[in-house]
Amino acid sequence: MLLQTKVALLTVTPSTVLVHSSESHPVDGPSVFLGALGSCSRAKNDVGVNCTTPSLSPVYDLSSLPPSAPRLLLSAPPLSTPVFLGIALALSIIFFITFTLVSFRHKMGEKTTAMLDKPIVQSVSAWLGVFGFLVGIVSFLILRMWFGKAADDFNQSIVLEGSAGPQLIAAVGNAFTMVWVAYTFYGVPVVISMAKLNVKASK
């Protein structure tokens, strides 16, 4: 239950910032946490969280938001985005397995070492890493733009309603920060693999 409320691509939480620009104070109300495969929501801060079933074509549960909230602006990303994320994840897993095997091939048997020493094996491993990295980071960049635009439009709609608007505010979630950190570490073995290929090609 902790991650469901702490990690999200976009969050809608109670706030008076948009409807009372001169002052802001803590307020209780509905919260929604959106992800690539579904959403979680709660009616108040002190109640349990309800989550939708994960799906490649999720339908966000926004029923906890008040009728005056611009719900239509909080739509799920295109179906292709989760699919590409899945492809990137699969390529990344294969790359990390092959990269580990190639890196520690000298500790394995002679036959295994000889097979992993083949240039084609190391080349395939490196390019799997490159493609997995590119597909994944581009997919997350698209998600960042999608949810960033949704948050901006949601907040702007509330501002236009003035003091009668719902006491809510949308913000891009911290999941993207975790993604950028993860891909920074992911880039290290990819660079190492490509560097090895360049060194061998120059010999």
C-alpha atoms as a PDB file:
ATOM      1  CA  MET A   1       0.000   0.000   0.000  1.00  0.00           C
ATOM      2  CA  LEU A   2       2.972   2.319   0.556  1.00  0.00           C
ATOM      3  CA  LEU A   3       4.151   2.422  -3.053  1.00  0.00           C
ATOM      4  CA  GLN A   4       0.615   2.941  -4.335  1.00  0.00           C
ATOM      5  CA  THR A   5       0.524   6.397  -2.759  1.00  0.00           C
ATOM      6  CA  LYS A   6       4.216   7.277  -2.922  1.00  0.00           C
ATOM      7  CA  VAL A   7       5.165   6.428  -6.512  1.00  0.00           C
ATOM      8  CA  ALA A   8       3.121   7.629  -9.492  1.00  0.00           C
ATOM      9  CA  LEU A   9       3.477   9.215 -12.903  1.00  0.00           C
ATOM     10  CA  LEU A  10       0.872  11.866 -12.067  1.00  0.00           C
ATOM     11  CA  THR A  11      -0.853  12.769  -8.814  1.00  0.00           C
ATOM     12  CA  VAL A  12      -3.971  14.771  -8.028  1.00  0.00           C
ATOM     13  CA  THR A  13      -4.025  15.843  -4.391  1.00  0.00           C
ATOM     14  CA  PRO A  14      -6.023  18.237  -2.182  1.00  0.00           C
ATOM     15  CA  SER A  15      -4.733  21.816  -2.252  1.00  0.00           C
ATOM     16  CA  THR A  16      -6.046  25.372  -2.068  1.00  0.00           C
ATOM     17  CA  VAL A  17      -3.153  26.857  -4.057  1.00  0.00           C
ATOM     18  CA  LEU A  18      -5.087  27.167  -7.323  1.00  0.00           C
ATOM     19  CA  VAL A  19      -8.369  28.496  -5.925  1.00  0.00           C
ATOM     20  CA  HIS A  20      -6.930  30.808  -3.253  1.00  0.00           C
ATOM     21  CA  SER A  21      -3.756  32.270  -4.704  1.00  0.00           C
ATOM     22  CA  SER A  22      -3.290  34.694  -1.801  1.00  0.00           C
ATOM     23  CA  GLU A  23      -3.100  32.001   0.870  1.00  0.00           C
ATOM     24  CA  SER A  24      -2.720  28.251   1.143  1.00  0.00           C
ATOM     25  CA  HIS A  25      -3.567  25.924   4.002  1.00  0.00           C
ATOM     26  CA  PRO A  26      -3.772  22.141   4.479  1.00  0.00           C
ATOM     27  CA  VAL A  27      -7.015  20.606   3.273  1.00  0.00           C
ATOM     28  CA  ASP A  28      -8.465  17.103   3.279  1.00  0.00           C
ATOM     29  CA  GLY A  29      -9.988  15.655   0.142  1.00  0.00           C
ATOM     30  CA  PRO A  30      -9.713  13.103  -2.657  1.00  0.00           C
ATOM     31  CA  SER A  31      -6.413  11.952  -4.117  1.00  0.00           C
ATOM     32  CA  VAL A  32      -5.662  10.102  -7.347  1.00  0.00           C
ATOM     33  CA  PHE A  33      -2.401   8.422  -8.343  1.00  0.00           C
ATOM     34  CA  LEU A  34      -2.003   7.611 -12.040  1.00  0.00           C
ATOM     35  CA  GLY A  35       0.393   5.132 -13.622  1.00  0.00           C
ATOM     36  CA  ALA A  36       1.047   3.582 -17.016  1.00  0.00           C
ATOM     37  CA  LEU A  37      -1.058   0.479 -16.243  1.00  0.00           C
ATOM     38  CA  GLY A  38      -3.783   1.845 -13.981  1.00  0.00           C
ATOM     39  CA  SER A  39      -4.646   4.157 -11.114  1.00  0.00           C
ATOM     40  CA  CYS A  40      -5.228   4.259  -7.372  1.00  0.00           C
ATOM     41  CA  SER A  41      -7.497   6.648  -5.506  1.00  0.00           C
ATOM     42  CA  ARG A  42      -8.883   7.507  -2.089  1.00  0.00           C
ATOM     43  CA  ALA A  43     -11.729   9.763  -0.994  1.00  0.00           C
ATOM     44  CA  LYS A  44      -9.862  11.269   1.968  1.00  0.00           C
ATOM     45  CA  ASN A  45      -6.351  11.278   3.379  1.00  0.00           C
ATOM     46  CA  ASP A  46      -7.198   8.904   6.222  1.00  0.00           C
ATOM     47  CA  VAL A  47      -9.026   6.195   4.241  1.00  0.00           C
ATOM     48  CA  GLY A  48      -7.773   3.201   2.307  1.00  0.00           C
ATOM     49  CA  VAL A  49      -6.609   3.244  -1.292  1.00  0.00           C
ATOM     50  CA  ASN A  50      -8.554   1.526  -4.086  1.00  0.00           C
ATOM     51  CA  CYS A  51      -6.674   0.503  -7.225  1.00  0.00           C
ATOM     52  CA  THR A  52      -7.794  -0.569 -10.677  1.00  0.00           C
ATOM     53  CA  THR A  53      -6.672  -3.830 -12.247  1.00  0.00           C
ATOM     54  CA  PRO A  54      -3.390  -3.361 -14.176  1.00  0.00           C
ATOM     55  CA  SER A  55      -3.977  -3.271 -17.931  1.00  0.00           C
ATOM     56  CA  LEU A  56      -2.190  -2.278 -21.142  1.00  0.00           C
ATOM     57  CA  SER A  57      -5.245  -0.154 -21.937  1.00  0.00           C
ATOM     58  CA  PRO A  58      -6.136   1.183 -18.479  1.00  0.00           C
ATOM     59  CA  VAL A  59      -9.289   3.073 -17.593  1.00  0.00           C
ATOM     60  CA  TYR A  60      -8.516   5.426 -14.737  1.00  0.00           C
ATOM     61  CA  ASP A  61     -10.918   5.432 -11.788  1.00  0.00           C
ATOM     62  CA  LEU A  62     -11.589   9.132 -11.182  1.00  0.00           C
ATOM     63  CA  SER A  63     -14.876   8.635  -9.330  1.00  0.00           C
ATOM     64  CA  SER A  64     -13.411  10.024  -6.104  1.00  0.00           C
ATOM     65  CA  LEU A  65     -12.889  13.442  -7.712  1.00  0.00           C
ATOM     66  CA  PRO A  66     -15.702  16.006  -7.403  1.00  0.00           C
ATOM     67  CA  PRO A  67     -17.972  16.587 -10.444  1.00  0.00           C
ATOM     68  CA  SER A  68     -16.453  20.033 -11.004  1.00  0.00           C
ATOM     69  CA  ALA A  69     -12.978  18.568 -11.528  1.00  0.00           C
ATOM     70  CA  PRO A  70     -11.817  18.437 -15.188  1.00  0.00           C
ATOM     71  CA  ARG A  71     -11.666  14.626 -15.274  1.00  0.00           C
ATOM     72  CA  LEU A  72     -11.593  14.350 -19.065  1.00  0.00           C
ATOM     73  CA  LEU A  73      -8.093  15.835 -19.086  1.00  0.00           C
ATOM     74  CA  LEU A  74      -6.737  12.863 -17.109  1.00  0.00           C
ATOM     75  CA  SER A  75      -6.744  10.200 -19.799  1.00  0.00           C
ATOM     76  CA  ALA A  76      -4.496   7.171 -20.139  1.00  0.00           C
ATOM     77  CA  PRO A  77      -1.595   7.237 -22.624  1.00  0.00           C
ATOM     78  CA  PRO A  78      -1.914   5.470 -25.991  1.00  0.00           C
ATOM     79  CA  LEU A  79      -1.890   1.665 -25.944  1.00  0.00           C
ATOM     80  CA  SER A  80       1.427   1.623 -27.809  1.00  0.00           C
ATOM     81  CA  THR A  81       3.296   3.241 -24.906  1.00  0.00           C
ATOM     82  CA  PRO A  82       2.940   0.376 -22.369  1.00  0.00           C
ATOM     83  CA  VAL A  83       3.699  -2.076 -25.186  1.00  0.00           C
ATOM     84  CA  PHE A  84       6.962  -0.312 -26.012  1.00  0.00           C
ATOM     85  CA  LEU A  85       7.812  -0.161 -22.310  1.00  0.00           C
ATOM     86  CA  GLY A  86       7.317  -3.925 -22.156  1.00  0.00           C
ATOM     87  CA  ILE A  87       9.587  -4.413 -25.172  1.00  0.00           C
ATOM     88  CA  ALA A  88      12.223  -2.174 -23.597  1.00  0.00           C
ATOM     89  CA  LEU A  89      12.004  -4.114 -20.327  1.00  0.00           C
ATOM     90  CA  ALA A  90      12.410  -7.454 -22.120  1.00  0.00           C
ATOM     91  CA  LEU A  91      15.425  -6.210 -24.097  1.00  0.00           C
ATOM     92  CA  SER A  92      16.957  -4.763 -20.939  1.00  0.00           C
ATOM     93  CA  ILE A  93      16.605  -8.017 -19.000  1.00  0.00           C
ATOM     94  CA  ILE A  94      18.186 -10.024 -21.826  1.00  0.00           C
ATOM     95  CA  PHE A  95      20.993  -7.465 -22.097  1.00  0.00           C
ATOM     96  CA  PHE A  96      21.824  -7.520 -18.391  1.00  0.00           C
ATOM     97  CA  ILE A  97      21.905 -11.323 -18.380  1.00  0.00           C
ATOM     98  CA  THR A  98      24.161 -11.528 -21.447  1.00  0.00           C
ATOM     99  CA  PHE A  99      26.341  -8.632 -20.243  1.00  0.00           C
ATOM    100  CA  THR A 100      26.893 -10.393 -16.917  1.00  0.00           C
ATOM    101  CA  LEU A 101      27.730 -13.678 -18.638  1.00  0.00           C
ATOM    102  CA  VAL A 102      30.167 -12.000 -21.027  1.00  0.00           C
ATOM    103  CA  SER A 103      31.811 -10.042 -18.212  1.00  0.00           C
ATOM    104  CA  PHE A 104      32.400 -13.166 -16.091  1.00  0.00           C
ATOM    105  CA  ARG A 105      33.047 -15.616 -18.917  1.00  0.00           C
ATOM    106  CA  HIS A 106      36.599 -16.283 -17.671  1.00  0.00           C
ATOM    107  CA  LYS A 107      35.123 -17.926 -14.557  1.00  0.00           C
ATOM    108  CA  MET A 108      33.118 -20.454 -16.577  1.00  0.00           C
ATOM    109  CA  GLY A 109      34.036 -23.638 -18.392  1.00  0.00           C
ATOM    110  CA  GLU A 110      36.170 -23.670 -21.535  1.00  0.00           C
ATOM    111  CA  LYS A 111      33.240 -24.310 -23.877  1.00  0.00           C
ATOM    112  CA  THR A 112      31.132 -21.547 -22.342  1.00  0.00           C
ATOM    113  CA  THR A 113      34.080 -19.146 -22.373  1.00  0.00           C
ATOM    114  CA  ALA A 114      34.803 -19.916 -26.019  1.00  0.00           C
ATOM    115  CA  MET A 115      31.175 -19.314 -26.982  1.00  0.00           C
ATOM    116  CA  LEU A 116      30.955 -16.025 -25.072  1.00  0.00           C
ATOM    117  CA  ASP A 117      34.258 -14.888 -26.602  1.00  0.00           C
ATOM    118  CA  LYS A 118      32.703 -14.901 -30.061  1.00  0.00           C
ATOM    119  CA  PRO A 119      32.352 -11.360 -31.470  1.00  0.00           C
ATOM    120  CA  ILE A 120      28.792 -12.032 -32.643  1.00  0.00           C
ATOM    121  CA  VAL A 121      27.656 -12.859 -29.087  1.00  0.00           C
ATOM    122  CA  GLN A 122      29.164  -9.685 -27.638  1.00  0.00           C
ATOM    123  CA  SER A 123      27.865  -7.625 -30.539  1.00  0.00           C
ATOM    124  CA  VAL A 124      24.306  -8.915 -30.134  1.00  0.00           C
ATOM    125  CA  SER A 125      24.463  -8.283 -26.379  1.00  0.00           C
ATOM    126  CA  ALA A 126      25.658  -4.700 -26.866  1.00  0.00           C
ATOM    127  CA  TRP A 127      23.040  -3.837 -29.480  1.00  0.00           C
ATOM    128  CA  LEU A 128      20.270  -5.359 -27.366  1.00  0.00           C
ATOM    129  CA  GLY A 129      21.355  -2.978 -24.630  1.00  0.00           C
ATOM    130  CA  VAL A 130      21.369   0.006 -26.980  1.00  0.00           C
ATOM    131  CA  PHE A 131      17.927  -0.732 -28.415  1.00  0.00           C
ATOM    132  CA  GLY A 132      16.472  -1.449 -24.967  1.00  0.00           C
ATOM    133  CA  PHE A 133      17.905   1.814 -23.657  1.00  0.00           C
ATOM    134  CA  LEU A 134      16.630   3.915 -26.559  1.00  0.00           C
ATOM    135  CA  VAL A 135      13.153   2.365 -26.712  1.00  0.00           C
ATOM    136  CA  GLY A 136      12.728   2.667 -22.957  1.00  0.00           C
ATOM    137  CA  ILE A 137      13.929   6.217 -22.503  1.00  0.00           C
ATOM    138  CA  VAL A 138      11.982   7.500 -25.532  1.00  0.00           C
ATOM    139  CA  SER A 139       8.821   5.830 -24.193  1.00  0.00           C
ATOM    140  CA  PHE A 140       9.286   7.480 -20.805  1.00  0.00           C
ATOM    141  CA  LEU A 141       9.978  10.846 -22.442  1.00  0.00           C
ATOM    142  CA  ILE A 142       6.659  10.516 -24.275  1.00  0.00           C
ATOM    143  CA  LEU A 143       4.939   9.618 -20.997  1.00  0.00           C
ATOM    144  CA  ARG A 144       6.573  12.623 -19.308  1.00  0.00           C
ATOM    145  CA  MET A 145       5.254  14.983 -21.977  1.00  0.00           C
ATOM    146  CA  TRP A 146       1.816  13.318 -21.901  1.00  0.00           C
ATOM    147  CA  PHE A 147       1.337  13.585 -18.143  1.00  0.00           C
ATOM    148  CA  GLY A 148       3.055  16.971 -17.957  1.00  0.00           C
ATOM    149  CA  LYS A 149       0.551  18.377 -20.453  1.00  0.00           C
ATOM    150  CA  ALA A 150      -2.332  16.701 -18.582  1.00  0.00           C
ATOM    151  CA  ALA A 151      -1.228  18.231 -15.268  1.00  0.00           C
ATOM    152  CA  ASP A 152      -0.839  21.704 -16.784  1.00  0.00           C
ATOM    153  CA  ASP A 153      -4.249  21.579 -18.481  1.00  0.00           C
ATOM    154  CA  PHE A 154      -5.920  20.214 -15.334  1.00  0.00           C
ATOM    155  CA  ASN A 155      -4.499  22.993 -13.174  1.00  0.00           C
ATOM    156  CA  GLN A 156      -5.284  25.684 -15.728  1.00  0.00           C
ATOM    157  CA  SER A 157      -8.915  24.556 -15.872  1.00  0.00           C
ATOM    158  CA  ILE A 158      -9.210  24.849 -12.091  1.00  0.00           C
ATOM    159  CA  VAL A 159      -7.616  28.305 -12.148  1.00  0.00           C
ATOM    160  CA  LEU A 160     -10.193  29.430 -14.725  1.00  0.00           C
ATOM    161  CA  GLU A 161     -13.002  28.298 -12.395  1.00  0.00           C
ATOM    162  CA  GLY A 162     -11.735  30.698  -9.743  1.00  0.00           C
ATOM    163  CA  SER A 163     -12.690  30.350  -6.088  1.00  0.00           C
ATOM    164  CA  ALA A 164     -15.571  28.041  -7.044  1.00  0.00           C
ATOM    165  CA  GLY A 165     -13.172  25.457  -8.454  1.00  0.00           C
ATOM    166  CA  PRO A 166     -12.313  22.193  -6.697  1.00  0.00           C
ATOM    167  CA  GLN A 167      -9.542  22.320  -4.107  1.00  0.00           C
ATOM    168  CA  LEU A 168      -7.187  20.096  -6.070  1.00  0.00           C
ATOM    169  CA  ILE A 169      -3.835  20.318  -7.797  1.00  0.00           C
ATOM    170  CA  ALA A 170      -2.191  17.981 -10.315  1.00  0.00           C
ATOM    171  CA  ALA A 171       1.541  17.353 -10.471  1.00  0.00           C
ATOM    172  CA  VAL A 172       3.913  15.072 -12.325  1.00  0.00           C
ATOM    173  CA  GLY A 173       4.856  12.233  -9.986  1.00  0.00           C
ATOM    174  CA  ASN A 174       8.237  11.220  -8.616  1.00  0.00           C
ATOM    175  CA  ALA A 175       8.263   8.013 -10.668  1.00  0.00           C
ATOM    176  CA  PHE A 176       9.991   9.901 -13.473  1.00  0.00           C
ATOM    177  CA  THR A 177      12.867  10.879 -11.181  1.00  0.00           C
ATOM    178  CA  MET A 178      13.370   7.207 -10.348  1.00  0.00           C
ATOM    179  CA  VAL A 179      13.284   6.348 -14.055  1.00  0.00           C
ATOM    180  CA  TRP A 180      15.964   8.912 -14.942  1.00  0.00           C
ATOM    181  CA  VAL A 181      18.207   7.618 -12.146  1.00  0.00           C
ATOM    182  CA  ALA A 182      17.663   4.022 -13.285  1.00  0.00           C
ATOM    183  CA  TYR A 183      18.525   4.845 -16.892  1.00  0.00           C
ATOM    184  CA  THR A 184      21.660   6.680 -15.758  1.00  0.00           C
ATOM    185  CA  PHE A 185      22.881   3.436 -14.202  1.00  0.00           C
ATOM    186  CA  TYR A 186      21.608   1.464 -17.205  1.00  0.00           C
ATOM    187  CA  GLY A 187      23.757   3.604 -19.494  1.00  0.00           C
ATOM    188  CA  VAL A 188      26.997   2.498 -17.808  1.00  0.00           C
ATOM    189  CA  PRO A 189      27.039  -1.155 -19.006  1.00  0.00           C
ATOM    190  CA  VAL A 190      25.709  -0.058 -22.410  1.00  0.00           C
ATOM    191  CA  VAL A 191      28.648   2.335 -22.849  1.00  0.00           C
ATOM    192  CA  ILE A 192      31.077  -0.344 -21.652  1.00  0.00           C
ATOM    193  CA  SER A 193      29.677  -2.870 -24.144  1.00  0.00           C
ATOM    194  CA  MET A 194      29.859  -0.451 -27.065  1.00  0.00           C
ATOM    195  CA  ALA A 195      33.378   0.618 -26.063  1.00  0.00           C
ATOM    196  CA  LYS A 196      34.505  -3.017 -26.149  1.00  0.00           C
ATOM    197  CA  LEU A 197      33.051  -3.404 -29.637  1.00  0.00           C
ATOM    198  CA  ASN A 198      34.862  -0.292 -30.862  1.00  0.00           C
ATOM    199  CA  VAL A 199      38.171  -1.486 -29.409  1.00  0.00           C
ATOM    200  CA  LYS A 200      37.825  -4.889 -31.070  1.00  0.00           C
ATOM    201  CA  ALA A 201      36.777  -3.323 -34.371  1.00  0.00           C
ATOM    202  CA  SER A 202      39.858  -1.090 -34.394  1.00  0.00           C
ATOM    203  CA  LYS A 203      42.258  -4.019 -33.978  1.00  0.00           C
END
